[in-house]
PDB file of N, CA and C in Angstrom:
ATOM      1  N   ARG A   1     -24.299 -17.291 -34.199  1.00  0.00           N
ATOM      2  CA  ARG A   1     -25.780 -17.294 -34.250  1.00  0.00           C
ATOM      3  C   ARG A   1     -25.992 -17.622 -35.745  1.00  0.00           C
ATOM      4  N   VAL A   2     -27.324 -18.365 -36.133  1.00  0.00           N
ATOM      5  CA  VAL A   2     -27.717 -18.306 -37.364  1.00  0.00           C
ATOM      6  C   VAL A   2     -29.056 -18.012 -37.437  1.00  0.00           C
ATOM      7  N   ALA A   3     -29.533 -17.484 -38.640  1.00  0.00           N
ATOM      8  CA  ALA A   3     -30.799 -16.956 -38.631  1.00  0.00           C
ATOM      9  C   ALA A   3     -31.611 -18.252 -39.389  1.00  0.00           C
ATOM     10  N   ARG A   4     -30.879 -19.222 -40.137  1.00  0.00           N
ATOM     11  CA  ARG A   4     -31.621 -20.215 -40.692  1.00  0.00           C
ATOM     12  C   ARG A   4     -30.442 -21.468 -40.779  1.00  0.00           C
ATOM     13  N   ARG A   5     -31.326 -22.740 -40.602  1.00  0.00           N
ATOM     14  CA  ARG A   5     -30.470 -23.768 -40.476  1.00  0.00           C
ATOM     15  C   ARG A   5     -30.608 -24.677 -41.915  1.00  0.00           C
ATOM     16  N   ILE A   6     -29.746 -24.607 -42.713  1.00  0.00           N
ATOM     17  CA  ILE A   6     -29.830 -25.201 -44.017  1.00  0.00           C
ATOM     18  C   ILE A   6     -28.714 -26.274 -43.803  1.00  0.00           C
ATOM     19  N   PRO A   7     -28.776 -27.377 -44.459  1.00  0.00           N
ATOM     20  CA  PRO A   7     -27.701 -28.726 -44.318  1.00  0.00           C
ATOM     21  C   PRO A   7     -26.251 -27.909 -44.481  1.00  0.00           C
ATOM     22  N   LEU A   8     -25.366 -28.152 -44.020  1.00  0.00           N
ATOM     23  CA  LEU A   8     -24.222 -27.697 -44.233  1.00  0.00           C
ATOM     24  C   LEU A   8     -23.559 -28.278 -45.577  1.00  0.00           C
ATOM     25  N   ASP A   9     -23.708 -29.702 -45.249  1.00  0.00           N
ATOM     26  CA  ASP A   9     -23.076 -30.370 -46.697  1.00  0.00           C
ATOM     27  C   ASP A   9     -23.749 -30.006 -47.807  1.00  0.00           C
ATOM     28  N   GLN A  10     -25.078 -29.332 -48.162  1.00  0.00           N
ATOM     29  CA  GLN A  10     -25.707 -29.026 -49.406  1.00  0.00           C
ATOM     30  C   GLN A  10     -25.526 -27.602 -49.572  1.00  0.00           C
ATOM     31  N   ASN A  11     -24.603 -26.892 -49.174  1.00  0.00           N
ATOM     32  CA  ASN A  11     -24.252 -25.358 -49.134  1.00  0.00           C
ATOM     33  C   ASN A  11     -22.624 -25.194 -49.646  1.00  0.00           C
ATOM     34  N   ALA A  12     -22.536 -25.004 -50.984  1.00  0.00           N
ATOM     35  CA  ALA A  12     -21.408 -25.070 -51.781  1.00  0.00           C
ATOM     36  C   ALA A  12     -20.268 -24.089 -51.273  1.00  0.00           C
ATOM     37  N   PRO A  13     -20.679 -22.741 -51.111  1.00  0.00           N
ATOM     38  CA  PRO A  13     -19.447 -21.784 -50.485  1.00  0.00           C
ATOM     39  C   PRO A  13     -18.904 -22.243 -48.926  1.00  0.00           C
ATOM     40  N   ILE A  14     -19.908 -22.977 -48.211  1.00  0.00           N
ATOM     41  CA  ILE A  14     -19.406 -23.525 -46.770  1.00  0.00           C
ATOM     42  C   ILE A  14     -18.543 -24.565 -46.954  1.00  0.00           C
ATOM     43  N   GLN A  15     -19.143 -25.619 -47.860  1.00  0.00           N
ATOM     44  CA  GLN A  15     -18.112 -26.739 -48.382  1.00  0.00           C
ATOM     45  C   GLN A  15     -16.797 -26.228 -48.710  1.00  0.00           C
ATOM     46  N   LYS A  16     -16.726 -25.351 -49.564  1.00  0.00           N
ATOM     47  CA  LYS A  16     -15.721 -24.788 -50.131  1.00  0.00           C
ATOM     48  C   LYS A  16     -14.819 -24.478 -48.993  1.00  0.00           C
ATOM     49  N   ALA A  17     -15.247 -23.461 -47.963  1.00  0.00           N
ATOM     50  CA  ALA A  17     -14.459 -22.759 -47.171  1.00  0.00           C
ATOM     51  C   ALA A  17     -13.988 -23.991 -46.259  1.00  0.00           C
ATOM     52  N   LEU A  18     -14.643 -24.916 -45.716  1.00  0.00           N
ATOM     53  CA  LEU A  18     -14.173 -26.110 -45.030  1.00  0.00           C
ATOM     54  C   LEU A  18     -12.987 -26.848 -45.617  1.00  0.00           C
ATOM     55  N   GLU A  19     -13.232 -27.124 -46.885  1.00  0.00           N
ATOM     56  CA  GLU A  19     -12.120 -27.829 -47.531  1.00  0.00           C
ATOM     57  C   GLU A  19     -10.858 -27.228 -47.590  1.00  0.00           C
ATOM     58  N   LYS A  20     -10.887 -25.820 -47.959  1.00  0.00           N
ATOM     59  CA  LYS A  20      -9.788 -24.969 -47.531  1.00  0.00           C
ATOM     60  C   LYS A  20      -8.921 -24.894 -46.585  1.00  0.00           C
ATOM     61  N   ALA A  21     -10.171 -24.830 -45.171  1.00  0.00           N
ATOM     62  CA  ALA A  21      -9.350 -24.813 -44.137  1.00  0.00           C
ATOM     63  C   ALA A  21      -8.726 -26.182 -43.609  1.00  0.00           C
ATOM     64  N   LYS A  22      -9.374 -27.291 -44.116  1.00  0.00           N
ATOM     65  CA  LYS A  22      -8.546 -28.384 -43.939  1.00  0.00           C
ATOM     66  C   LYS A  22      -7.276 -28.499 -44.604  1.00  0.00           C
ATOM     67  N   GLN A  23      -7.234 -28.166 -45.673  1.00  0.00           N
ATOM     68  CA  GLN A  23      -5.978 -28.012 -46.915  1.00  0.00           C
ATOM     69  C   GLN A  23      -5.122 -27.178 -45.913  1.00  0.00           C
ATOM     70  N   GLU A  24      -5.336 -26.007 -45.460  1.00  0.00           N
ATOM     71  CA  GLU A  24      -4.478 -24.938 -44.752  1.00  0.00           C
ATOM     72  C   GLU A  24      -3.796 -25.689 -43.397  1.00  0.00           C
ATOM     73  N   LEU A  25      -4.611 -26.377 -42.681  1.00  0.00           N
ATOM     74  CA  LEU A  25      -4.289 -27.068 -41.472  1.00  0.00           C
ATOM     75  C   LEU A  25      -3.466 -28.473 -42.016  1.00  0.00           C
ATOM     76  N   GLY A  26      -3.462 -28.771 -42.892  1.00  0.00           N
ATOM     77  CA  GLY A  26      -2.907 -30.048 -43.324  1.00  0.00           C
ATOM     78  C   GLY A  26      -2.923 -31.339 -42.356  1.00  0.00           C
ATOM     79  N   SER A  27      -1.972 -32.099 -42.258  1.00  0.00           N
ATOM     80  CA  SER A  27      -2.049 -33.127 -41.333  1.00  0.00           C
ATOM     81  C   SER A  27      -1.760 -32.807 -39.979  1.00  0.00           C
ATOM     82  N   ASP A  28      -1.628 -31.467 -39.385  1.00  0.00           N
ATOM     83  CA  ASP A  28      -1.301 -31.050 -38.215  1.00  0.00           C
ATOM     84  C   ASP A  28      -2.807 -30.586 -37.591  1.00  0.00           C
ATOM     85  N   GLY A  29      -3.441 -30.675 -38.221  1.00  0.00           N
ATOM     86  CA  GLY A  29      -4.848 -30.131 -37.576  1.00  0.00           C
ATOM     87  C   GLY A  29      -6.125 -30.575 -38.173  1.00  0.00           C
ATOM     88  N   ARG A  30      -7.324 -30.325 -37.500  1.00  0.00           N
ATOM     89  CA  ARG A  30      -8.652 -30.581 -38.183  1.00  0.00           C
ATOM     90  C   ARG A  30      -9.773 -29.588 -38.021  1.00  0.00           C
ATOM     91  N   VAL A  31     -10.715 -29.691 -38.763  1.00  0.00           N
ATOM     92  CA  VAL A  31     -11.755 -28.839 -38.506  1.00  0.00           C
ATOM     93  C   VAL A  31     -12.791 -29.509 -38.549  1.00  0.00           C
ATOM     94  N   PHE A  32     -13.978 -29.066 -37.967  1.00  0.00           N
ATOM     95  CA  PHE A  32     -15.350 -29.690 -38.048  1.00  0.00           C
ATOM     96  C   PHE A  32     -16.518 -28.789 -37.508  1.00  0.00           C
ATOM     97  N   ALA A  33     -17.544 -28.701 -38.131  1.00  0.00           N
ATOM     98  CA  ALA A  33     -18.711 -27.837 -37.983  1.00  0.00           C
ATOM     99  C   ALA A  33     -20.047 -28.373 -37.777  1.00  0.00           C
ATOM    100  N   ARG A  34     -20.861 -28.164 -37.023  1.00  0.00           N
ATOM    101  CA  ARG A  34     -22.342 -28.877 -36.974  1.00  0.00           C
ATOM    102  C   ARG A  34     -23.299 -27.869 -36.254  1.00  0.00           C
ATOM    103  N   TYR A  35     -24.403 -27.900 -36.479  1.00  0.00           N
ATOM    104  CA  TYR A  35     -25.180 -27.117 -35.705  1.00  0.00           C
ATOM    105  C   TYR A  35     -25.273 -27.535 -34.216  1.00  0.00           C
ATOM    106  N   SER A  36     -25.603 -26.641 -33.113  1.00  0.00           N
ATOM    107  CA  SER A  36     -25.946 -26.858 -31.994  1.00  0.00           C
ATOM    108  C   SER A  36     -27.350 -27.707 -31.804  1.00  0.00           C
ATOM    109  N   GLY A  37     -27.685 -28.590 -30.942  1.00  0.00           N
ATOM    110  CA  GLY A  37     -28.921 -29.310 -30.886  1.00  0.00           C
ATOM    111  C   GLY A  37     -29.920 -28.404 -30.099  1.00  0.00           C
ATOM    112  N   THR A  38     -29.547 -27.405 -29.373  1.00  0.00           N
ATOM    113  CA  THR A  38     -30.292 -26.852 -28.521  1.00  0.00           C
ATOM    114  C   THR A  38     -30.364 -25.024 -28.586  1.00  0.00           C
ATOM    115  N   GLU A  39     -29.411 -24.652 -29.470  1.00  0.00           N
ATOM    116  CA  GLU A  39     -29.242 -23.290 -29.825  1.00  0.00           C
ATOM    117  C   GLU A  39     -29.307 -22.844 -31.176  1.00  0.00           C
ATOM    118  N   PRO A  40     -29.842 -21.847 -31.477  1.00  0.00           N
ATOM    119  CA  PRO A  40     -29.631 -21.402 -33.123  1.00  0.00           C
ATOM    120  C   PRO A  40     -28.185 -21.067 -33.510  1.00  0.00           C
ATOM    121  N   LEU A  41     -26.958 -21.768 -33.070  1.00  0.00           N
ATOM    122  CA  LEU A  41     -25.843 -21.667 -33.174  1.00  0.00           C
ATOM    123  C   LEU A  41     -25.260 -22.859 -34.215  1.00  0.00           C
ATOM    124  N   VAL A  42     -24.040 -22.471 -34.862  1.00  0.00           N
ATOM    125  CA  VAL A  42     -23.378 -23.401 -35.603  1.00  0.00           C
ATOM    126  C   VAL A  42     -21.892 -23.303 -34.833  1.00  0.00           C
ATOM    127  N   ARG A  43     -21.478 -24.574 -34.718  1.00  0.00           N
ATOM    128  CA  ARG A  43     -20.134 -24.696 -33.824  1.00  0.00           C
ATOM    129  C   ARG A  43     -19.267 -25.103 -34.779  1.00  0.00           C
ATOM    130  N   ILE A  44     -18.144 -24.489 -34.413  1.00  0.00           N
ATOM    131  CA  ILE A  44     -16.892 -24.770 -35.103  1.00  0.00           C
ATOM    132  C   ILE A  44     -15.940 -25.188 -34.260  1.00  0.00           C
ATOM    133  N   LEU A  45     -15.278 -25.974 -34.682  1.00  0.00           N
ATOM    134  CA  LEU A  45     -14.266 -26.656 -33.997  1.00  0.00           C
ATOM    135  C   LEU A  45     -12.853 -26.924 -34.692  1.00  0.00           C
ATOM    136  N   ILE A  46     -11.931 -26.324 -34.454  1.00  0.00           N
ATOM    137  CA  ILE A  46     -10.669 -26.109 -35.012  1.00  0.00           C
ATOM    138  C   ILE A  46      -9.394 -26.517 -34.172  1.00  0.00           C
ATOM    139  N   GLU A  47      -8.503 -27.384 -34.570  1.00  0.00           N
ATOM    140  CA  GLU A  47      -7.387 -27.823 -33.821  1.00  0.00           C
ATOM    141  C   GLU A  47      -6.384 -27.859 -34.601  1.00  0.00           C
ATOM    142  N   GLY A  48      -5.170 -27.572 -34.044  1.00  0.00           N
ATOM    143  CA  GLY A  48      -3.959 -27.509 -34.724  1.00  0.00           C
ATOM    144  C   GLY A  48      -2.654 -27.289 -33.738  1.00  0.00           C
ATOM    145  N   THR A  49      -1.590 -27.274 -34.380  1.00  0.00           N
ATOM    146  CA  THR A  49      -0.636 -26.647 -33.661  1.00  0.00           C
ATOM    147  C   THR A  49       0.029 -25.262 -33.774  1.00  0.00           C
ATOM    148  N   ASP A  50      -0.565 -24.658 -34.619  1.00  0.00           N
ATOM    149  CA  ASP A  50       0.076 -23.131 -34.944  1.00  0.00           C
ATOM    150  C   ASP A  50      -1.454 -22.210 -34.594  1.00  0.00           C
ATOM    151  N   ALA A  51      -1.198 -21.595 -33.562  1.00  0.00           N
ATOM    152  CA  ALA A  51      -2.382 -20.749 -33.010  1.00  0.00           C
ATOM    153  C   ALA A  51      -2.469 -19.610 -33.927  1.00  0.00           C
ATOM    154  N   GLY A  52      -1.716 -19.137 -34.702  1.00  0.00           N
ATOM    155  CA  GLY A  52      -1.863 -17.863 -35.614  1.00  0.00           C
ATOM    156  C   GLY A  52      -2.677 -18.518 -36.958  1.00  0.00           C
ATOM    157  N   ARG A  53      -2.427 -19.638 -37.184  1.00  0.00           N
ATOM    158  CA  ARG A  53      -3.096 -20.519 -38.477  1.00  0.00           C
ATOM    159  C   ARG A  53      -4.451 -20.778 -37.935  1.00  0.00           C
ATOM    160  N   ILE A  54      -4.700 -21.235 -36.791  1.00  0.00           N
ATOM    161  CA  ILE A  54      -6.068 -21.694 -36.155  1.00  0.00           C
ATOM    162  C   ILE A  54      -6.853 -20.369 -36.279  1.00  0.00           C
ATOM    163  N   GLU A  55      -6.413 -19.276 -35.489  1.00  0.00           N
ATOM    164  CA  GLU A  55      -7.223 -17.766 -35.814  1.00  0.00           C
ATOM    165  C   GLU A  55      -7.652 -17.287 -37.106  1.00  0.00           C
ATOM    166  N   ARG A  56      -6.589 -17.472 -37.971  1.00  0.00           N
ATOM    167  CA  ARG A  56      -6.868 -16.874 -39.389  1.00  0.00           C
ATOM    168  C   ARG A  56      -7.893 -17.834 -39.980  1.00  0.00           C
ATOM    169  N   THR A  57      -7.752 -19.273 -39.796  1.00  0.00           N
ATOM    170  CA  THR A  57      -8.882 -20.106 -40.277  1.00  0.00           C
ATOM    171  C   THR A  57     -10.147 -20.022 -39.616  1.00  0.00           C
ATOM    172  N   LEU A  58     -10.072 -19.785 -38.427  1.00  0.00           N
ATOM    173  CA  LEU A  58     -11.522 -19.454 -37.868  1.00  0.00           C
ATOM    174  C   LEU A  58     -12.110 -18.364 -38.246  1.00  0.00           C
ATOM    175  N   GLY A  59     -11.340 -17.194 -38.628  1.00  0.00           N
ATOM    176  CA  GLY A  59     -11.937 -15.832 -38.960  1.00  0.00           C
ATOM    177  C   GLY A  59     -12.494 -15.873 -40.378  1.00  0.00           C
ATOM    178  N   ASP A  60     -11.815 -16.932 -41.312  1.00  0.00           N
ATOM    179  CA  ASP A  60     -12.135 -17.163 -42.568  1.00  0.00           C
ATOM    180  C   ASP A  60     -13.528 -17.734 -42.557  1.00  0.00           C
ATOM    181  N   LEU A  61     -13.668 -18.786 -41.885  1.00  0.00           N
ATOM    182  CA  LEU A  61     -14.654 -19.588 -41.892  1.00  0.00           C
ATOM    183  C   LEU A  61     -16.066 -18.864 -41.219  1.00  0.00           C
ATOM    184  N   THR A  62     -15.860 -17.916 -40.030  1.00  0.00           N
ATOM    185  CA  THR A  62     -16.623 -17.267 -39.659  1.00  0.00           C
ATOM    186  C   THR A  62     -17.454 -16.297 -40.383  1.00  0.00           C
ATOM    187  N   ARG A  63     -16.589 -15.779 -41.475  1.00  0.00           N
ATOM    188  CA  ARG A  63     -17.283 -14.861 -42.459  1.00  0.00           C
ATOM    189  C   ARG A  63     -18.024 -15.516 -43.276  1.00  0.00           C
ATOM    190  N   VAL A  64     -17.670 -16.933 -43.877  1.00  0.00           N
ATOM    191  CA  VAL A  64     -18.411 -17.557 -44.603  1.00  0.00           C
ATOM    192  C   VAL A  64     -19.755 -17.840 -44.104  1.00  0.00           C
ATOM    193  N   PHE A  65     -19.769 -18.577 -43.000  1.00  0.00           N
ATOM    194  CA  PHE A  65     -20.818 -18.977 -42.196  1.00  0.00           C
ATOM    195  C   PHE A  65     -21.635 -17.912 -41.927  1.00  0.00           C
ATOM    196  N   ALA A  66     -21.399 -16.637 -41.632  1.00  0.00           N
ATOM    197  CA  ALA A  66     -22.600 -15.516 -41.237  1.00  0.00           C
ATOM    198  C   ALA A  66     -22.945 -15.377 -42.681  1.00  0.00           C
ATOM    199  N   ALA A  67     -22.208 -15.011 -43.541  1.00  0.00           N
ATOM    200  CA  ALA A  67     -22.764 -14.914 -45.080  1.00  0.00           C
ATOM    201  C   ALA A  67     -23.641 -15.666 -45.522  1.00  0.00           C
ATOM    202  N   GLU A  68     -23.690 -17.013 -45.203  1.00  0.00           N
ATOM    203  CA  GLU A  68     -24.550 -17.965 -45.718  1.00  0.00           C
ATOM    204  C   GLU A  68     -25.572 -18.400 -44.788  1.00  0.00           C
ATOM    205  N   LEU A  69     -25.319 -18.128 -43.522  1.00  0.00           N
ATOM    206  CA  LEU A  69     -26.401 -18.602 -42.537  1.00  0.00           C
ATOM    207  C   LEU A  69     -27.214 -17.350 -41.931  1.00  0.00           C
ATOM    208  N   GLY A  70     -26.740 -16.251 -42.037  1.00  0.00           N
ATOM    209  CA  GLY A  70     -27.374 -14.714 -41.489  1.00  0.00           C
ATOM    210  C   GLY A  70     -27.096 -14.660 -40.018  1.00  0.00           C
TER     211      GLY A  70
END
C-alpha cells in the first residue's frame, strides 16, 4: 500500500533500488514496478531462476518503496 503516488521514474532512491535489483538478477531475471490502476498499491514483479535471490531482491525493494511512498 502507498500513501502517495509520485512518479516512480522521478524518485531517485526508487530508481537506484530498481537498477540495483536489475544488476543483481542479471540476464537470468527481470524486475518491473508500477502503480495499480484501481487500488492505492504499487505492484512489483520479479522473475528469475534463483528463488533466494528473488526473495532478497523483493525485500530490498519493498523497504525502499515503503520508505519513499509511505
